[in-house]
């Protein structure tokens, strides 16, 4: 494999060595011309360095304005793929120390004059310096790779601002979602290789997309330059799809923790002057985790049932869901993964409960009380069976949740057809919810009917936690009734129960959207 030595503390040469197998893997590709008329693609010399296609002897020249980290990594990427690179800097002599000797590090004016594709690796605050280069940039393709410090920092995007400064140039937004780390990797497996590109010039957009392909990236056409604001906001957003589900999980955790705290800590302290505050770090947390987990799992499937009810009510699948329901449907994957995570942590907490010092003291006290009461055999057949089944159902539900989570991995998901994926996520998902509900019922057992279990007139935590799952299971049973299932099946096949009864409708425009059956942890 060919290699290039680039970045160091001093200006040093590039060493290119070809392995014996390089010549045998050479091939030829047809690539489009850039605006300077030079052809990109594989040259006669075969495969280029580090998996990129090498260029023909007359290498196209790409100019980069800026000498920061991104500029250095983009330079080495272009060199590996056979391009000639010219770097423009305010201090070319100082910047030249950090680039290979084959890179022409010069002033901005010289760099712009040598390339028809110009990457702007500078911040928006420095765009006014381009005003003096306006006559040199006419007709050239300017690739804006800048990002802002916060979302919607300026009234217009950086690319739109650049286009207003240089109306005679063809501005393209792209490569801003690729980090310097990803840029210097040959075939990055720990980062996304998608490059979102937009421009008002179709020709310029297509040329930069082809350039991205030659750099082993996956270009995504985002259309006109008006999309640049969305592209610039992409690197600044922190898990936007997880905001609602995480807030829901936090709110449910606070509610159930406070609920258990009042019942199991405050009530004994007020009623019997018994201090159980030591239970807060372990027991209280462990009681909160499963209640939140099963509630989130129920919310996953409740959204699909509400969507089905919406379709049954209006008699068509082509009426848009309300915005809140559509957002809920889109969050089912995140809700399901959070449920799996909390259930896993609950298992770890449960395994650690016997390790506590308090548990050892309670065990010793119980043994002393049995000896003192002259009890030879404390075996309770009913309790033994309850705990055995309770633990068994818990393990089965966690196993099914693990299967749902595994199929959410893109590589696994892509290996399944639609019927297989729907069976795992929908059918097995409901079975997991049913088994988890049995797990909770066996945990509570008879306490739901005992008067002393209602402290401060509040029902036990497991009763509150199982209310929603039981409703979801009952709703699924209703949807499986032949009369309801048949009508719903016809609606999803496109038959309208209203004015167009028995007439097959074709989806139009944005009417095809989220399927309520595409659940859950996708």
Protein backbone atom coordinates (compact mmCIF):
# COMPACT_ATOMS: atom_id res chain seq x y z
CA UNK A 1 0.00 0.00 0.00
CA UNK A 2 1.25 3.47 -0.78
CA UNK A 3 1.90 5.86 2.03
CA UNK A 4 2.56 9.53 2.54
CA UNK A 5 4.40 11.10 5.42
CA UNK A 6 3.08 14.57 6.02
CA UNK A 7 2.66 16.43 9.27
CA UNK A 8 5.60 17.22 11.41
CA UNK A 9 7.39 20.06 13.13
CA UNK A 10 9.50 20.87 10.08
CA UNK A 11 9.08 20.88 6.34
CA UNK A 12 10.09 17.47 5.08
CA UNK A 13 9.75 15.44 1.87
CA UNK A 14 6.99 12.98 1.02
CA UNK A 15 7.94 9.33 0.76
CA UNK A 16 5.84 7.28 -1.63
CA UNK A 17 6.42 3.56 -1.72
CA UNK A 18 4.40 1.08 -3.73
CA UNK A 19 3.84 -2.45 -2.55
CA UNK A 20 4.37 -5.29 -5.01
CA UNK A 21 0.65 -5.92 -5.20
CA UNK A 22 -0.14 -2.37 -6.27
CA UNK A 23 0.48 -2.90 -9.95
CA UNK A 24 -1.72 -5.96 -10.06
CA UNK A 25 -4.68 -4.05 -8.64
CA UNK A 26 -4.49 -1.13 -11.05
CA UNK A 27 -7.57 -0.26 -13.02
CA UNK A 28 -9.06 2.59 -15.01
CA UNK A 29 -12.07 4.73 -14.28
CA UNK A 30 -13.86 7.39 -16.25
CA UNK A 31 -14.19 10.59 -14.21
CA UNK A 32 -15.72 13.93 -15.12
CA UNK A 33 -13.73 17.05 -15.91
CA UNK A 34 -13.38 19.81 -13.38
CA UNK A 35 -13.84 23.36 -14.57
CA UNK A 36 -10.13 23.73 -15.38
CA UNK A 37 -10.52 21.04 -18.02
CA UNK A 38 -8.25 18.55 -16.29
CA UNK A 39 -9.46 15.05 -15.78
CA UNK A 40 -9.83 13.46 -12.36
CA UNK A 41 -9.73 9.75 -11.76
CA UNK A 42 -7.40 6.84 -11.93
CA UNK A 43 -4.24 7.33 -13.84
CA UNK A 44 -2.18 4.87 -15.65
CA UNK A 45 -0.14 4.25 -12.57
CA UNK A 46 -2.87 2.20 -10.90
CA UNK A 47 -4.23 2.54 -7.37
CA UNK A 48 -3.28 5.64 -5.47
CA UNK A 49 -2.13 5.95 -1.94
CA UNK A 50 -4.28 4.73 0.93
CA UNK A 51 -7.16 3.52 -1.17
CA UNK A 52 -7.81 6.70 -3.16
CA UNK A 53 -7.65 6.72 -6.92
CA UNK A 54 -4.55 8.38 -8.28
CA UNK A 55 -4.81 11.10 -10.88
CA UNK A 56 -3.61 11.25 -14.42
CA UNK A 57 -0.14 12.78 -15.02
CA UNK A 58 -1.73 16.22 -15.49
CA UNK A 59 -3.04 16.54 -11.93
CA UNK A 60 -5.91 18.93 -11.19
CA UNK A 61 -5.04 21.71 -8.78
CA UNK A 62 -7.13 22.47 -5.71
CA UNK A 63 -6.56 25.63 -3.71
CA UNK A 64 -7.13 25.88 0.03
CA UNK A 65 -7.30 29.20 1.85
CA UNK A 66 -6.28 28.73 5.49
CA UNK A 67 -3.54 26.77 7.22
CA UNK A 68 -5.26 25.34 10.31
CA UNK A 69 -5.77 21.73 11.33
CA UNK A 70 -8.61 21.12 8.89
CA UNK A 71 -6.57 22.58 6.05
CA UNK A 72 -3.65 20.28 6.86
CA UNK A 73 -5.80 17.15 6.98
CA UNK A 74 -7.68 18.11 3.80
CA UNK A 75 -4.36 18.72 2.07
CA UNK A 76 -3.01 15.27 2.90
CA UNK A 77 -6.30 13.70 1.83
CA UNK A 78 -6.13 15.43 -1.54
CA UNK A 79 -2.47 14.49 -1.99
CA UNK A 80 -3.21 10.84 -1.26
CA UNK A 81 -5.86 10.88 -3.95
CA UNK A 82 -3.56 12.39 -6.59
CA UNK A 83 -4.47 16.08 -6.53
CA UNK A 84 -2.03 18.95 -6.60
CA UNK A 85 -2.67 21.30 -3.69
CA UNK A 86 -1.92 24.99 -3.28
CA UNK A 87 -2.40 26.49 0.18
CA UNK A 88 -2.96 30.19 0.74
CA UNK A 89 -1.91 31.68 4.06
CA UNK A 90 -1.38 35.09 5.60
CA UNK A 91 2.06 33.89 6.76
CA UNK A 92 3.19 31.40 4.11
CA UNK A 93 6.75 31.03 5.39
CA UNK A 94 5.57 30.01 8.85
CA UNK A 95 2.75 27.80 7.58
CA UNK A 96 5.03 26.00 5.09
CA UNK A 97 6.73 24.16 7.98
CA UNK A 98 3.62 22.07 8.56
CA UNK A 99 2.94 20.97 5.00
CA UNK A 100 4.74 18.49 2.70
CA UNK A 101 7.28 19.95 0.32
CA UNK A 102 5.11 19.16 -2.73
CA UNK A 103 2.47 21.57 -1.45
CA UNK A 104 2.81 25.10 -2.72
CA UNK A 105 2.25 27.31 0.35
CA UNK A 106 1.90 30.87 -0.82
CA UNK A 107 -0.15 34.04 -0.39
CA UNK A 108 -3.91 34.09 -0.91
CA UNK A 109 -3.68 35.82 -4.27
CA UNK A 110 -1.30 33.26 -5.76
CA UNK A 111 -3.26 30.31 -4.36
CA UNK A 112 -6.57 31.53 -5.80
CA UNK A 113 -5.00 32.07 -9.21
CA UNK A 114 -3.74 28.50 -9.46
CA UNK A 115 -6.95 26.56 -8.77
CA UNK A 116 -10.48 26.63 -10.08
CA UNK A 117 -11.79 24.83 -6.97
CA UNK A 118 -11.06 26.81 -3.81
CA UNK A 119 -11.71 25.45 -0.31
CA UNK A 120 -12.26 28.17 2.28
CA UNK A 121 -10.90 26.77 5.53
CA UNK A 122 -11.30 30.08 7.36
CA UNK A 123 -13.87 31.43 9.79
CA UNK A 124 -16.71 33.74 8.84
CA UNK A 125 -15.04 36.66 10.62
CA UNK A 126 -12.24 36.53 8.04
CA UNK A 127 -14.48 36.52 4.97
CA UNK A 128 -13.97 40.29 4.34
CA UNK A 129 -10.38 39.54 3.27
CA UNK A 130 -11.87 37.84 0.23
CA UNK A 131 -13.18 41.17 -1.02
CA UNK A 132 -9.73 42.05 -2.37
CA UNK A 133 -9.70 38.71 -4.20
CA UNK A 134 -13.11 39.21 -5.77
CA UNK A 135 -11.76 39.66 -9.30
CA UNK A 136 -9.68 36.49 -8.99
CA UNK A 137 -12.58 34.42 -7.65
CA UNK A 138 -15.01 35.18 -10.49
CA UNK A 139 -16.39 31.97 -11.95
CA UNK A 140 -14.50 29.75 -9.53
CA UNK A 141 -16.05 27.16 -7.23
CA UNK A 142 -15.80 28.21 -3.57
CA UNK A 143 -16.33 25.39 -1.07
CA UNK A 144 -17.30 26.77 2.33
CA UNK A 145 -16.34 24.33 5.11
CA UNK A 146 -16.93 26.68 8.04
CA UNK A 147 -19.07 26.10 11.12
CA UNK A 148 -20.44 28.46 13.75
CA UNK A 149 -20.08 28.26 17.52
CA UNK A 150 -23.81 27.89 18.18
CA UNK A 151 -26.99 27.05 16.30
CA UNK A 152 -28.43 29.90 14.17
CA UNK A 153 -25.70 32.27 15.33
CA UNK A 154 -26.27 34.69 12.42
CA UNK A 155 -29.40 35.76 10.49
CA UNK A 156 -28.12 33.94 7.39
CA UNK A 157 -25.86 30.98 6.95
CA UNK A 158 -22.15 31.39 6.35
CA UNK A 159 -22.48 30.10 2.80
CA UNK A 160 -25.31 32.51 1.98
CA UNK A 161 -23.30 35.37 3.45
CA UNK A 162 -20.32 34.34 1.33
CA UNK A 163 -22.50 34.20 -1.78
CA UNK A 164 -23.71 37.73 -1.11
CA UNK A 165 -20.09 38.93 -0.79
CA UNK A 166 -18.98 37.17 -3.98
CA UNK A 167 -21.98 36.98 -6.32
CA UNK A 168 -19.80 36.14 -9.33
CA UNK A 169 -18.43 33.01 -7.68
CA UNK A 170 -20.17 29.65 -7.41
CA UNK A 171 -20.48 28.96 -3.69
CA UNK A 172 -20.86 25.37 -2.48
CA UNK A 173 -21.48 24.34 1.12
CA UNK A 174 -19.90 21.06 2.10
CA UNK A 175 -17.35 19.07 4.12
CA UNK A 176 -18.25 20.97 7.31
CA UNK A 177 -19.65 17.82 8.98
CA UNK A 178 -16.34 15.95 8.45
CA UNK A 179 -13.89 16.39 11.30
CA UNK A 180 -10.14 16.76 10.85
CA UNK A 181 -9.76 13.35 12.51
CA UNK A 182 -12.00 11.69 9.93
CA UNK A 183 -10.29 13.56 7.10
CA UNK A 184 -6.90 12.06 7.87
CA UNK A 185 -8.20 8.48 8.18
CA UNK A 186 -7.91 6.23 5.14
CA UNK A 187 -11.20 4.39 5.61
CA UNK A 188 -12.76 5.77 8.82
CA UNK A 189 -14.85 3.18 10.64
CA UNK A 190 -15.47 5.21 13.80
CA UNK A 191 -17.06 8.23 12.14
CA UNK A 192 -19.59 9.09 9.46
CA UNK A 193 -18.32 9.52 5.91
CA UNK A 194 -21.40 11.35 4.63
CA UNK A 195 -20.76 14.78 3.12
CA UNK A 196 -23.82 17.03 2.79
CA UNK A 197 -23.45 19.36 -0.20
CA UNK A 198 -25.65 22.18 -1.47
CA UNK A 199 -25.27 25.00 -4.00
CA UNK A 200 -27.36 27.15 -6.31
CA UNK A 201 -25.11 26.01 -9.17
CA UNK A 202 -26.02 22.49 -10.27
CA UNK A 203 -22.76 22.09 -12.17
CA UNK A 204 -20.63 23.18 -9.20
CA UNK A 205 -22.61 20.94 -6.87
CA UNK A 206 -22.06 17.92 -9.12
CA UNK A 207 -18.33 18.61 -9.41
CA UNK A 208 -17.86 18.81 -5.64
CA UNK A 209 -19.93 15.65 -5.16
CA UNK A 210 -17.64 13.85 -7.61
CA UNK A 211 -14.64 15.24 -5.74
CA UNK A 212 -16.08 13.87 -2.49
CA UNK A 213 -16.44 10.43 -4.07
CA UNK A 214 -12.81 10.50 -5.18
CA UNK A 215 -11.86 11.29 -1.58
CA UNK A 216 -13.77 8.15 -0.48
CA UNK A 217 -16.66 10.05 1.08
CA UNK A 218 -20.38 9.62 0.47
CA UNK A 219 -21.88 12.84 -0.93
CA UNK A 220 -25.49 13.71 -0.16
CA UNK A 221 -27.17 16.22 -2.47
CA UNK A 222 -29.05 18.74 -0.32
CA UNK A 223 -30.19 20.93 -3.22
CA UNK A 224 -30.01 24.72 -3.25
CA UNK A 225 -27.84 26.91 -1.04
CA UNK A 226 -30.84 27.64 1.18
CA UNK A 227 -30.16 24.26 2.81
CA UNK A 228 -26.78 25.46 4.04
CA UNK A 229 -28.23 26.65 7.37
CA UNK A 230 -29.40 23.11 8.16
CA UNK A 231 -26.03 21.69 7.11
CA UNK A 232 -24.17 24.18 9.33
CA UNK A 233 -26.38 23.32 12.29
CA UNK A 234 -25.76 19.56 11.99
CA UNK A 235 -22.38 19.47 13.83
CA UNK A 236 -23.73 21.73 16.59
CA UNK A 237 -26.75 19.69 17.60
CA UNK A 238 -26.32 17.27 20.49
CA UNK A 239 -28.52 14.19 20.00
CA UNK A 240 -31.59 16.10 18.74
CA UNK A 241 -33.64 12.91 18.35
CA UNK A 242 -32.94 11.96 21.98
CA UNK A 243 -34.06 15.16 23.65
CA UNK A 244 -37.73 14.22 24.08
CA UNK A 245 -37.16 10.59 25.11
CA UNK A 246 -34.43 11.51 27.59
CA UNK A 247 -36.56 14.25 29.15
CA UNK A 248 -39.44 11.78 29.39
CA UNK A 249 -37.20 9.22 31.11
CA UNK A 250 -35.86 11.84 33.54
CA UNK A 251 -39.38 13.09 34.36
CA UNK A 252 -40.63 9.54 34.96
CA UNK A 253 -37.58 8.76 37.11
CA UNK A 254 -38.15 11.81 39.28
CA UNK A 255 -41.84 10.96 39.67
CA UNK A 256 -41.37 7.30 40.60
CA UNK A 257 -38.41 8.04 42.88
CA UNK A 258 -40.38 10.71 44.75
CA UNK A 259 -43.39 8.42 44.90
CA UNK A 260 -41.38 5.57 46.43
CA UNK A 261 -39.55 7.96 48.74
CA UNK A 262 -42.80 9.21 50.24
CA UNK A 263 -44.23 5.71 50.67
CA UNK A 264 -41.17 3.73 51.76
CA UNK A 265 -39.02 6.32 53.56
CA UNK A 266 -41.21 9.14 54.84
CA UNK A 267 -44.16 6.99 55.95
CA UNK A 268 -42.16 4.60 58.22
CA UNK A 269 -40.30 7.56 59.71
CA UNK A 270 -43.50 9.45 60.58
CA UNK A 271 -45.58 6.42 61.57
CA UNK A 272 -43.04 4.29 63.46
CA UNK A 273 -40.00 6.59 63.88
CA UNK A 274 -38.08 4.10 61.75
CA UNK A 275 -35.13 5.51 59.82
CA UNK A 276 -34.78 3.81 56.42
CA UNK A 277 -32.84 6.57 54.73
CA UNK A 278 -29.96 4.17 54.09
CA UNK A 279 -32.13 2.59 51.38
CA UNK A 280 -31.93 5.66 49.14
CA UNK A 281 -28.67 4.88 47.24
CA UNK A 282 -29.53 1.27 46.35
CA UNK A 283 -33.07 0.10 47.04
CA UNK A 284 -34.84 3.31 46.07
CA UNK A 285 -32.88 3.57 42.84
CA UNK A 286 -33.46 -0.11 42.09
CA UNK A 287 -37.20 0.31 42.58
CA UNK A 288 -37.26 3.30 40.26
CA UNK A 289 -35.34 1.71 37.37
CA UNK A 290 -37.78 -1.11 36.48
CA UNK A 291 -40.86 1.09 36.82
CA UNK A 292 -39.42 3.64 34.39
CA UNK A 293 -38.17 0.90 32.04
CA UNK A 294 -41.54 -0.83 31.68
CA UNK A 295 -43.34 2.52 31.35
CA UNK A 296 -41.04 3.58 28.50
CA UNK A 297 -41.56 0.22 26.80
CA UNK A 298 -45.32 0.69 27.08
CA UNK A 299 -45.02 4.20 25.60
CA UNK A 300 -43.25 2.69 22.58
CA UNK A 301 -46.28 0.61 21.65
CA UNK A 302 -48.90 3.06 22.86
CA UNK A 303 -47.88 5.46 20.07
CA UNK A 304 -48.63 2.83 17.42
CA UNK A 305 -52.01 2.07 18.96
CA UNK A 306 -52.96 5.74 18.98
CA UNK A 307 -51.93 5.94 15.31
CA UNK A 308 -54.15 2.95 14.56
CA UNK A 309 -57.04 4.58 16.42
CA UNK A 310 -56.48 7.73 14.38
CA UNK A 311 -56.71 5.75 11.14
CA UNK A 312 -59.80 3.88 12.30
CA UNK A 313 -61.52 7.09 13.35
CA UNK A 314 -60.97 8.87 10.02
CA UNK A 315 -61.23 5.71 7.92
CA UNK A 316 -58.06 6.43 5.94
CA UNK A 317 -54.30 6.22 6.25
CA UNK A 318 -53.71 9.33 4.14
CA UNK A 319 -54.70 11.84 6.78
CA UNK A 320 -51.66 13.21 8.55
CA UNK A 321 -51.12 12.44 12.19
CA UNK A 322 -51.09 15.35 14.64
CA UNK A 323 -47.58 16.82 15.10
CA UNK A 324 -47.29 15.52 18.68
CA UNK A 325 -48.16 11.98 17.57
CA UNK A 326 -45.83 12.12 14.59
CA UNK A 327 -42.98 13.20 16.86
CA UNK A 328 -43.87 10.43 19.29
CA UNK A 329 -43.77 7.85 16.51
CA UNK A 330 -40.34 9.07 15.44
CA UNK A 331 -39.05 8.73 19.02
CA UNK A 332 -39.98 5.07 19.51
CA UNK A 333 -36.47 3.81 18.80
CA UNK A 334 -34.96 6.07 21.44
CA UNK A 335 -37.66 5.20 23.98
CA UNK A 336 -37.06 1.49 23.43
CA UNK A 337 -33.30 1.79 23.80
CA UNK A 338 -33.68 3.79 27.01
CA UNK A 339 -36.01 1.09 28.33
CA UNK A 340 -33.41 -1.57 27.55
CA UNK A 341 -30.67 0.48 29.20
CA UNK A 342 -32.65 1.02 32.41
CA UNK A 343 -33.65 -2.65 32.54
CA UNK A 344 -30.00 -3.67 32.23
CA UNK A 345 -28.95 -1.32 35.02
CA UNK A 346 -31.81 -2.70 37.14
CA UNK A 347 -30.38 -6.21 36.73
CA UNK A 348 -26.93 -5.02 37.84
CA UNK A 349 -28.40 -3.30 40.89
CA UNK A 350 -30.39 -6.43 41.77
CA UNK A 351 -27.27 -8.59 41.59
CA UNK A 352 -25.46 -6.22 43.93
CA UNK A 353 -28.21 -6.03 46.57
CA UNK A 354 -27.01 -9.09 48.56
CA UNK A 355 -23.52 -7.54 48.81
CA UNK A 356 -24.70 -4.71 51.03
CA UNK A 357 -23.74 -4.67 54.70
CA UNK A 358 -27.34 -3.87 55.65
CA UNK A 359 -28.51 -7.02 53.89
CA UNK A 360 -26.07 -9.12 55.90
CA UNK A 361 -27.29 -7.62 59.16
CA UNK A 362 -30.92 -8.31 58.20
CA UNK A 363 -30.05 -11.90 57.33
CA UNK A 364 -28.31 -12.42 60.68
CA UNK A 365 -31.23 -10.88 62.55
CA UNK A 366 -33.67 -13.13 60.72
CA UNK A 367 -31.62 -16.21 61.55
CA UNK A 368 -31.42 -15.18 65.22
CA UNK A 369 -35.18 -14.65 65.35
CA UNK A 370 -35.81 -18.11 63.89
CA UNK A 371 -33.49 -19.70 66.45
CA UNK A 372 -35.07 -17.70 69.25
CA UNK A 373 -38.56 -18.77 68.07
CA UNK A 374 -37.37 -22.38 67.78
CA UNK A 375 -38.33 -22.57 64.08
CA UNK A 376 -36.71 -25.58 62.44
CA UNK A 377 -37.96 -25.09 58.86
CA UNK A 378 -38.88 -21.66 57.43
CA UNK A 379 -39.66 -23.04 53.97
CA UNK A 380 -42.62 -21.28 52.28
CA UNK A 381 -43.73 -23.13 49.16
CA UNK A 382 -45.79 -20.24 47.81
CA UNK A 383 -42.97 -17.71 48.22
CA UNK A 384 -40.46 -20.07 46.65
CA UNK A 385 -42.61 -20.53 43.54
CA UNK A 386 -43.34 -16.80 43.34
CA UNK A 387 -39.69 -15.78 43.42
CA UNK A 388 -38.64 -18.52 41.00
CA UNK A 389 -41.21 -17.42 38.43
CA UNK A 390 -40.56 -13.74 39.13
CA UNK A 391 -36.84 -14.10 38.37
CA UNK A 392 -37.46 -16.34 35.35
CA UNK A 393 -39.89 -13.87 33.73
CA UNK A 394 -37.44 -11.04 34.39
CA UNK A 395 -34.63 -12.88 32.60
CA UNK A 396 -36.87 -13.70 29.63
CA UNK A 397 -38.06 -10.11 29.26
CA UNK A 398 -34.49 -8.80 29.38
CA UNK A 399 -33.45 -11.36 26.76
CA UNK A 400 -36.19 -10.22 24.39
CA UNK A 401 -35.31 -6.57 24.99
CA UNK A 402 -31.71 -7.43 24.11
CA UNK A 403 -32.90 -8.94 20.84
CA UNK A 404 -34.87 -5.79 20.04
CA UNK A 405 -31.83 -3.63 20.78
CA UNK A 406 -29.52 -5.79 18.65
CA UNK A 407 -31.82 -5.53 15.63
CA UNK A 408 -31.64 -1.73 15.92
CA UNK A 409 -27.97 -1.89 14.88
CA UNK A 410 -27.87 -0.74 11.23
CA UNK A 411 -25.77 -3.67 10.04
CA UNK A 412 -28.20 -6.15 11.62
CA UNK A 413 -31.25 -4.21 10.51
CA UNK A 414 -30.08 -4.13 6.90
CA UNK A 415 -29.67 -7.92 6.92
CA UNK A 416 -33.37 -8.43 7.71
CA UNK A 417 -36.27 -8.16 5.32
CA UNK A 418 -39.35 -6.16 6.29
CA UNK A 419 -41.34 -9.14 7.53
CA UNK A 420 -38.50 -10.37 9.75
CA UNK A 421 -37.89 -6.91 11.15
CA UNK A 422 -41.60 -6.34 11.82
CA UNK A 423 -41.91 -9.72 13.54
CA UNK A 424 -39.02 -8.98 15.90
CA UNK A 425 -39.91 -5.38 16.68
CA UNK A 426 -43.69 -5.72 16.83
CA UNK A 427 -44.59 -9.30 17.74
CA UNK A 428 -41.63 -10.09 19.97
CA UNK A 429 -41.80 -6.58 21.36
CA UNK A 430 -45.35 -7.09 22.59
CA UNK A 431 -44.32 -10.45 24.02
CA UNK A 432 -41.49 -8.73 25.88
CA UNK A 433 -43.95 -6.20 27.29
CA UNK A 434 -46.33 -8.99 28.33
CA UNK A 435 -43.58 -10.97 30.08
CA UNK A 436 -42.28 -7.85 31.80
CA UNK A 437 -45.81 -7.18 33.03
CA UNK A 438 -46.00 -10.69 34.48
CA UNK A 439 -42.62 -10.04 36.09
CA UNK A 440 -44.08 -6.99 37.85
CA UNK A 441 -47.28 -8.79 38.87
CA UNK A 442 -45.30 -11.63 40.43
CA UNK A 443 -43.17 -9.11 42.28
CA UNK A 444 -46.22 -7.48 43.84
CA UNK A 445 -48.26 -10.68 44.24
CA UNK A 446 -50.89 -10.17 46.98
CA UNK A 447 -49.68 -6.79 48.20
CA UNK A 448 -52.04 -4.96 45.88
CA UNK A 449 -54.93 -6.28 48.00
CA UNK A 450 -53.40 -5.73 51.43
CA UNK A 451 -54.57 -2.68 53.37
CA UNK A 452 -51.20 -1.98 55.00
CA UNK A 453 -49.58 -1.72 51.55
CA UNK A 454 -51.48 1.53 50.89
CA UNK A 455 -49.31 3.99 52.78
CA UNK A 456 -50.68 7.53 52.89
CA UNK A 457 -53.53 5.96 50.89
CA UNK A 458 -51.10 5.58 47.99
CA UNK A 459 -51.01 2.24 46.13
CA UNK A 460 -47.69 0.36 45.87
CA UNK A 461 -45.25 1.51 43.19
CA UNK A 462 -45.67 -1.62 41.10
CA UNK A 463 -49.43 -0.98 40.83
CA UNK A 464 -48.81 2.49 39.41
CA UNK A 465 -46.06 1.21 37.09
CA UNK A 466 -48.18 -1.61 35.67
CA UNK A 467 -51.24 0.51 34.95
CA UNK A 468 -49.99 1.75 31.56
CA UNK A 469 -48.55 -1.61 30.35
CA UNK A 470 -51.84 -3.34 31.18
CA UNK A 471 -53.75 -0.69 29.20
CA UNK A 472 -51.41 -1.14 26.22
CA UNK A 473 -51.82 -4.93 26.32
CA UNK A 474 -55.60 -4.53 26.49
CA UNK A 475 -55.46 -2.10 23.55
CA UNK A 476 -53.51 -4.63 21.51
CA UNK A 477 -56.12 -7.29 22.27
CA UNK A 478 -58.84 -4.95 21.00
CA UNK A 479 -56.90 -4.27 17.80
CA UNK A 480 -56.57 -8.01 17.23
CA UNK A 481 -60.33 -8.54 17.27
CA UNK A 482 -61.40 -9.75 13.80
CA UNK A 483 -63.82 -6.90 13.18
CA UNK A 484 -61.24 -4.25 14.09
CA UNK A 485 -58.24 -6.00 12.53
CA UNK A 486 -60.04 -6.48 9.19
CA UNK A 487 -61.05 -2.84 8.97
CA UNK A 488 -57.58 -1.66 9.91
CA UNK A 489 -56.02 -3.99 7.36
CA UNK A 490 -58.20 -2.57 4.59
CA UNK A 491 -57.32 0.98 5.57
CA UNK A 492 -53.59 0.23 5.48
CA UNK A 493 -54.00 -1.36 2.06
CA UNK A 494 -55.29 1.98 0.82
CA UNK A 495 -59.07 1.53 0.89
CA UNK A 496 -60.90 4.56 2.19
CA UNK A 497 -64.00 4.06 4.35
CA UNK A 498 -65.41 7.46 3.57
CA UNK A 499 -66.42 8.95 0.27
CA UNK A 500 -64.06 6.64 -1.67
CA UNK A 501 -65.27 3.36 -0.16
CA UNK A 502 -63.61 0.30 -1.71
CA UNK A 503 -61.52 2.52 -3.98
CA UNK A 504 -57.76 2.04 -3.92
CA UNK A 505 -55.99 5.33 -3.19
CA UNK A 506 -52.47 6.18 -4.22
CA UNK A 507 -50.22 8.11 -1.83
CA UNK A 508 -49.63 11.69 -2.92
CA UNK A 509 -46.81 14.02 -1.91
CA UNK A 510 -45.98 14.01 1.77
CA UNK A 511 -48.95 11.84 2.69
CA UNK A 512 -46.68 8.80 2.96
CA UNK A 513 -45.04 9.10 6.30
CA UNK A 514 -44.35 7.06 9.38
CA UNK A 515 -45.96 3.66 9.60
CA UNK A 516 -47.42 3.00 13.04
CA UNK A 517 -46.34 -0.63 12.69
CA UNK A 518 -42.67 0.26 12.18
CA UNK A 519 -41.86 -0.19 15.81
CA UNK A 520 -39.83 0.22 17.90
CA UNK A 521 -36.14 0.09 18.44
CA UNK A 522 -35.33 0.55 14.76
